[in-house]
Amino acid sequence: MTSYTFTRELRLLTPAQFKAVFSNPIKASSAEITLLAVPNSDNHPRLGLTVAKKHVKRANQRNRVKRIVRDSFRLNQHNLPAIDIVVLVRGGVLTMENAELKRLIEKLWRKLSRRYNG
């Protein structure tokens, strides 16, 4: 059976892991969200989130964005190649509804997969 959990192995945890992604990434972006990715040696994708206070002031708003991104990653992880992904969020996400944000992220997952595979 396919597992849809979001365990510790599926996260970028250390500053070194984040720095590796920023070095020479493959990008997929929109006006509100940018995904940066690099290949990893694991057999599964890993996710790191950066939602800056500069762009999203309130903690509950940052948490909402992170929750939606994590949930979308959890459901789409089996469609993604073995890459480390960092999600950068800009202020425009505050005006988006949850469903709209989810659609945008899923579109970016597909875009990233095409760029990585193709």
N, C-alpha and C. Protein backbone atom coordinates (compact mmCIF):
# COMPACT_ATOMS: atom_id res chain seq x y z
N MET A 1 0.83 -1.19 0.00
CA MET A 1 0.00 0.00 0.00
C MET A 1 0.87 1.25 0.00
N THR A 2 0.48 2.25 -0.72
CA THR A 2 1.23 3.50 -0.81
C THR A 2 1.02 4.33 0.45
N SER A 3 2.14 4.82 1.00
CA SER A 3 2.06 5.63 2.21
C SER A 3 2.02 7.12 1.86
N TYR A 4 1.12 7.85 2.51
CA TYR A 4 1.01 9.29 2.27
C TYR A 4 1.36 10.10 3.51
N THR A 5 2.31 9.59 4.29
CA THR A 5 2.72 10.31 5.50
C THR A 5 3.77 11.36 5.16
N PHE A 6 4.04 12.24 6.11
CA PHE A 6 5.07 13.26 5.94
C PHE A 6 6.05 13.10 7.10
N THR A 7 6.93 12.10 6.97
CA THR A 7 7.86 11.77 8.05
C THR A 7 9.12 12.64 8.00
N ARG A 8 9.96 12.47 8.99
CA ARG A 8 11.19 13.24 9.11
C ARG A 8 12.11 13.04 7.89
N GLU A 9 12.09 11.84 7.30
CA GLU A 9 12.95 11.56 6.13
C GLU A 9 12.55 12.39 4.92
N LEU A 10 11.33 12.89 4.90
CA LEU A 10 10.84 13.66 3.75
C LEU A 10 11.06 15.16 3.92
N ARG A 11 11.80 15.57 4.96
CA ARG A 11 12.02 16.99 5.22
C ARG A 11 13.48 17.37 5.08
N LEU A 12 13.72 18.61 4.66
CA LEU A 12 15.06 19.19 4.73
C LEU A 12 15.17 19.76 6.14
N LEU A 13 16.22 19.35 6.87
CA LEU A 13 16.28 19.70 8.28
C LEU A 13 17.42 20.66 8.64
N THR A 14 18.56 20.52 8.00
CA THR A 14 19.72 21.31 8.42
C THR A 14 19.98 22.48 7.46
N PRO A 15 20.64 23.52 7.96
CA PRO A 15 21.02 24.63 7.08
C PRO A 15 21.86 24.17 5.89
N ALA A 16 22.69 23.17 6.07
CA ALA A 16 23.51 22.65 4.97
C ALA A 16 22.64 22.07 3.86
N GLN A 17 21.57 21.38 4.22
CA GLN A 17 20.67 20.81 3.22
C GLN A 17 19.97 21.91 2.43
N PHE A 18 19.56 22.98 3.12
CA PHE A 18 18.93 24.12 2.44
C PHE A 18 19.94 24.80 1.52
N LYS A 19 21.17 24.98 2.01
CA LYS A 19 22.21 25.67 1.24
C LYS A 19 22.52 24.91 -0.05
N ALA A 20 22.50 23.58 0.02
CA ALA A 20 22.77 22.76 -1.17
C ALA A 20 21.73 23.03 -2.25
N VAL A 21 20.48 23.25 -1.86
CA VAL A 21 19.42 23.51 -2.83
C VAL A 21 19.60 24.89 -3.46
N PHE A 22 20.04 25.87 -2.67
CA PHE A 22 20.21 27.23 -3.19
C PHE A 22 21.41 27.36 -4.13
N SER A 23 22.33 26.38 -4.13
CA SER A 23 23.56 26.49 -4.91
C SER A 23 23.33 26.54 -6.42
N ASN A 24 22.61 25.58 -6.99
CA ASN A 24 22.39 25.56 -8.44
C ASN A 24 21.06 24.88 -8.75
N PRO A 25 19.93 25.55 -8.44
CA PRO A 25 18.64 24.86 -8.50
C PRO A 25 17.96 24.88 -9.86
N ILE A 26 17.03 23.94 -10.02
CA ILE A 26 16.05 23.95 -11.10
C ILE A 26 14.88 24.74 -10.51
N LYS A 27 14.29 25.67 -11.27
CA LYS A 27 13.24 26.52 -10.72
C LYS A 27 11.89 26.28 -11.38
N ALA A 28 10.85 26.45 -10.58
CA ALA A 28 9.48 26.52 -11.08
C ALA A 28 8.83 27.60 -10.24
N SER A 29 8.29 28.63 -10.88
CA SER A 29 7.77 29.72 -10.05
C SER A 29 6.52 30.37 -10.62
N SER A 30 5.84 31.06 -9.73
CA SER A 30 4.70 31.90 -10.07
C SER A 30 4.96 33.23 -9.37
N ALA A 31 4.01 34.13 -9.44
CA ALA A 31 4.18 35.43 -8.78
C ALA A 31 4.25 35.28 -7.27
N GLU A 32 3.57 34.28 -6.70
CA GLU A 32 3.48 34.13 -5.25
C GLU A 32 4.45 33.13 -4.66
N ILE A 33 4.79 32.08 -5.42
CA ILE A 33 5.58 30.97 -4.88
C ILE A 33 6.68 30.59 -5.86
N THR A 34 7.86 30.28 -5.32
CA THR A 34 8.95 29.76 -6.13
C THR A 34 9.40 28.43 -5.54
N LEU A 35 9.58 27.44 -6.41
CA LEU A 35 10.13 26.15 -5.99
C LEU A 35 11.54 26.05 -6.54
N LEU A 36 12.49 25.72 -5.68
CA LEU A 36 13.86 25.47 -6.09
C LEU A 36 14.15 24.01 -5.81
N ALA A 37 14.83 23.33 -6.73
CA ALA A 37 15.08 21.90 -6.54
C ALA A 37 16.43 21.48 -7.08
N VAL A 38 17.03 20.51 -6.41
CA VAL A 38 18.25 19.85 -6.88
C VAL A 38 18.09 18.35 -6.67
N PRO A 39 18.75 17.55 -7.50
CA PRO A 39 18.68 16.09 -7.32
C PRO A 39 19.27 15.68 -5.97
N ASN A 40 18.72 14.63 -5.37
CA ASN A 40 19.31 14.10 -4.14
C ASN A 40 19.67 12.63 -4.31
N SER A 41 20.39 12.08 -3.34
CA SER A 41 20.83 10.70 -3.44
C SER A 41 19.82 9.72 -2.83
N ASP A 42 18.79 10.25 -2.19
CA ASP A 42 17.74 9.39 -1.63
C ASP A 42 16.85 8.90 -2.77
N ASN A 43 15.97 7.99 -2.45
CA ASN A 43 15.04 7.50 -3.47
C ASN A 43 13.68 8.17 -3.37
N HIS A 44 13.63 9.33 -2.72
CA HIS A 44 12.37 10.03 -2.55
C HIS A 44 12.63 11.54 -2.49
N PRO A 45 11.60 12.34 -2.78
CA PRO A 45 11.77 13.80 -2.69
C PRO A 45 11.77 14.25 -1.23
N ARG A 46 12.40 15.41 -0.97
CA ARG A 46 12.38 16.00 0.37
C ARG A 46 11.95 17.46 0.23
N LEU A 47 11.31 17.97 1.27
CA LEU A 47 10.72 19.31 1.22
C LEU A 47 11.26 20.19 2.33
N GLY A 48 11.56 21.44 1.95
CA GLY A 48 11.92 22.47 2.92
C GLY A 48 11.07 23.70 2.65
N LEU A 49 10.60 24.35 3.70
CA LEU A 49 9.72 25.51 3.55
C LEU A 49 10.37 26.76 4.13
N THR A 50 10.28 27.86 3.41
CA THR A 50 10.69 29.15 3.96
C THR A 50 9.58 30.16 3.67
N VAL A 51 8.93 30.57 4.74
CA VAL A 51 7.88 31.58 4.65
C VAL A 51 8.35 32.75 5.51
N ALA A 52 8.87 33.77 4.87
CA ALA A 52 9.51 34.88 5.59
C ALA A 52 8.49 35.81 6.24
N LYS A 53 8.83 36.25 7.45
CA LYS A 53 7.99 37.23 8.16
C LYS A 53 7.87 38.52 7.36
N LYS A 54 8.88 38.80 6.57
CA LYS A 54 8.88 40.01 5.74
C LYS A 54 7.68 40.02 4.79
N HIS A 55 7.34 38.84 4.25
CA HIS A 55 6.26 38.73 3.27
C HIS A 55 4.92 38.36 3.90
N VAL A 56 4.95 37.50 4.92
CA VAL A 56 3.73 37.04 5.57
C VAL A 56 3.88 37.33 7.06
N LYS A 57 3.31 38.43 7.49
CA LYS A 57 3.56 38.97 8.83
C LYS A 57 3.07 38.10 9.98
N ARG A 58 1.85 37.60 9.87
CA ARG A 58 1.24 36.94 11.01
C ARG A 58 1.50 35.44 11.03
N ALA A 59 1.76 34.90 12.23
CA ALA A 59 2.11 33.49 12.39
C ALA A 59 1.01 32.57 11.88
N ASN A 60 -0.25 32.92 12.14
CA ASN A 60 -1.33 32.03 11.68
C ASN A 60 -1.40 31.99 10.16
N GLN A 61 -1.05 33.10 9.49
CA GLN A 61 -1.03 33.11 8.02
C GLN A 61 0.14 32.28 7.50
N ARG A 62 1.31 32.40 8.14
CA ARG A 62 2.47 31.59 7.73
C ARG A 62 2.16 30.11 7.92
N ASN A 63 1.53 29.77 9.05
CA ASN A 63 1.20 28.37 9.33
C ASN A 63 0.18 27.81 8.34
N ARG A 64 -0.78 28.62 7.93
CA ARG A 64 -1.78 28.19 6.94
C ARG A 64 -1.10 27.84 5.62
N VAL A 65 -0.19 28.71 5.18
CA VAL A 65 0.51 28.48 3.92
C VAL A 65 1.35 27.21 4.02
N LYS A 66 2.08 27.07 5.11
CA LYS A 66 2.94 25.88 5.28
C LYS A 66 2.11 24.61 5.35
N ARG A 67 0.98 24.67 6.03
CA ARG A 67 0.11 23.49 6.14
C ARG A 67 -0.40 23.05 4.77
N ILE A 68 -0.81 24.00 3.96
CA ILE A 68 -1.33 23.67 2.62
C ILE A 68 -0.23 23.10 1.74
N VAL A 69 0.97 23.70 1.79
CA VAL A 69 2.10 23.20 0.98
C VAL A 69 2.49 21.80 1.43
N ARG A 70 2.60 21.59 2.74
CA ARG A 70 2.97 20.26 3.25
C ARG A 70 1.95 19.20 2.86
N ASP A 71 0.67 19.53 2.96
CA ASP A 71 -0.38 18.58 2.61
C ASP A 71 -0.34 18.23 1.13
N SER A 72 -0.14 19.25 0.30
CA SER A 72 -0.03 19.01 -1.14
C SER A 72 1.18 18.13 -1.46
N PHE A 73 2.32 18.41 -0.80
CA PHE A 73 3.52 17.60 -1.00
C PHE A 73 3.26 16.15 -0.58
N ARG A 74 2.62 16.00 0.56
CA ARG A 74 2.34 14.66 1.09
C ARG A 74 1.53 13.84 0.09
N LEU A 75 0.55 14.47 -0.54
CA LEU A 75 -0.31 13.76 -1.49
C LEU A 75 0.35 13.54 -2.85
N ASN A 76 1.32 14.40 -3.21
CA ASN A 76 1.96 14.32 -4.53
C ASN A 76 3.37 13.75 -4.50
N GLN A 77 3.86 13.35 -3.33
CA GLN A 77 5.25 12.92 -3.21
C GLN A 77 5.62 11.74 -4.12
N HIS A 78 4.66 10.88 -4.41
CA HIS A 78 4.96 9.71 -5.24
C HIS A 78 5.02 10.05 -6.73
N ASN A 79 4.58 11.26 -7.09
CA ASN A 79 4.66 11.71 -8.48
C ASN A 79 5.93 12.52 -8.75
N LEU A 80 6.68 12.82 -7.69
CA LEU A 80 7.87 13.66 -7.83
C LEU A 80 9.13 12.81 -7.91
N PRO A 81 10.14 13.27 -8.67
CA PRO A 81 11.40 12.54 -8.73
C PRO A 81 12.18 12.71 -7.42
N ALA A 82 13.32 12.04 -7.30
CA ALA A 82 14.15 12.13 -6.09
C ALA A 82 14.91 13.46 -6.09
N ILE A 83 14.26 14.49 -5.56
CA ILE A 83 14.85 15.83 -5.53
C ILE A 83 14.61 16.47 -4.16
N ASP A 84 15.49 17.41 -3.82
CA ASP A 84 15.29 18.24 -2.63
C ASP A 84 14.63 19.52 -3.10
N ILE A 85 13.53 19.90 -2.48
CA ILE A 85 12.75 21.07 -2.89
C ILE A 85 12.69 22.08 -1.76
N VAL A 86 12.95 23.33 -2.08
CA VAL A 86 12.72 24.42 -1.12
C VAL A 86 11.62 25.30 -1.71
N VAL A 87 10.61 25.56 -0.89
CA VAL A 87 9.49 26.40 -1.30
C VAL A 87 9.69 27.78 -0.70
N LEU A 88 9.76 28.80 -1.56
CA LEU A 88 9.87 30.19 -1.12
C LEU A 88 8.53 30.87 -1.36
N VAL A 89 8.03 31.57 -0.35
CA VAL A 89 6.71 32.18 -0.44
C VAL A 89 6.83 33.70 -0.39
N ARG A 90 6.07 34.37 -1.25
CA ARG A 90 6.01 35.83 -1.24
C ARG A 90 4.65 36.29 -0.72
N GLY A 91 4.51 37.57 -0.50
CA GLY A 91 3.31 38.13 0.13
C GLY A 91 2.01 37.91 -0.60
N GLY A 92 2.04 37.66 -1.90
CA GLY A 92 0.82 37.49 -2.67
C GLY A 92 -0.06 36.34 -2.23
N VAL A 93 0.48 35.38 -1.48
CA VAL A 93 -0.33 34.22 -1.06
C VAL A 93 -1.42 34.61 -0.06
N LEU A 94 -1.27 35.76 0.58
CA LEU A 94 -2.25 36.17 1.59
C LEU A 94 -3.63 36.40 0.99
N THR A 95 -3.68 36.81 -0.25
CA THR A 95 -4.97 37.09 -0.89
C THR A 95 -5.61 35.84 -1.49
N MET A 96 -4.88 34.74 -1.51
CA MET A 96 -5.39 33.52 -2.15
C MET A 96 -6.22 32.69 -1.18
N GLU A 97 -7.28 32.08 -1.72
CA GLU A 97 -8.07 31.12 -0.95
C GLU A 97 -7.28 29.81 -0.87
N ASN A 98 -7.62 28.95 0.09
CA ASN A 98 -6.91 27.69 0.27
C ASN A 98 -6.94 26.82 -0.99
N ALA A 99 -8.10 26.68 -1.61
CA ALA A 99 -8.24 25.84 -2.81
C ALA A 99 -7.41 26.39 -3.96
N GLU A 100 -7.40 27.70 -4.10
CA GLU A 100 -6.63 28.36 -5.16
C GLU A 100 -5.13 28.13 -4.94
N LEU A 101 -4.70 28.25 -3.69
CA LEU A 101 -3.29 28.03 -3.33
C LEU A 101 -2.90 26.58 -3.61
N LYS A 102 -3.77 25.65 -3.26
CA LYS A 102 -3.50 24.23 -3.49
C LYS A 102 -3.35 23.93 -5.00
N ARG A 103 -4.24 24.51 -5.81
CA ARG A 103 -4.15 24.31 -7.27
C ARG A 103 -2.83 24.86 -7.82
N LEU A 104 -2.43 26.04 -7.34
CA LEU A 104 -1.18 26.64 -7.80
C LEU A 104 0.02 25.76 -7.44
N ILE A 105 0.05 25.26 -6.23
CA ILE A 105 1.17 24.41 -5.80
C ILE A 105 1.22 23.13 -6.60
N GLU A 106 0.08 22.52 -6.85
CA GLU A 106 0.06 21.28 -7.64
C GLU A 106 0.52 21.53 -9.06
N LYS A 107 0.18 22.67 -9.62
CA LYS A 107 0.66 23.05 -10.95
C LYS A 107 2.19 23.19 -10.93
N LEU A 108 2.71 23.79 -9.86
CA LEU A 108 4.17 23.95 -9.75
C LEU A 108 4.90 22.62 -9.55
N TRP A 109 4.27 21.66 -8.82
CA TRP A 109 4.87 20.32 -8.69
C TRP A 109 5.03 19.70 -10.09
N ARG A 110 3.95 19.79 -10.90
CA ARG A 110 4.00 19.21 -12.26
C ARG A 110 5.07 19.90 -13.11
N LYS A 111 5.14 21.21 -13.03
CA LYS A 111 6.12 21.99 -13.79
C LYS A 111 7.54 21.57 -13.40
N LEU A 112 7.77 21.42 -12.10
CA LEU A 112 9.08 21.03 -11.59
C LEU A 112 9.45 19.62 -12.06
N SER A 113 8.50 18.71 -12.01
CA SER A 113 8.75 17.33 -12.47
C SER A 113 9.13 17.31 -13.95
N ARG A 114 8.40 18.10 -14.76
CA ARG A 114 8.73 18.16 -16.20
C ARG A 114 10.11 18.70 -16.42
N ARG A 115 10.46 19.78 -15.73
CA ARG A 115 11.79 20.39 -15.89
C ARG A 115 12.89 19.43 -15.46
N TYR A 116 12.65 18.70 -14.41
CA TYR A 116 13.67 17.77 -13.90
C TYR A 116 13.82 16.56 -14.83
N ASN A 117 12.70 16.02 -15.26
CA ASN A 117 12.74 14.81 -16.12
C ASN A 117 13.04 15.14 -17.58
N GLY A 118 12.59 16.31 -18.02
CA GLY A 118 12.71 16.61 -19.43
C GLY A 118 13.84 17.50 -19.66
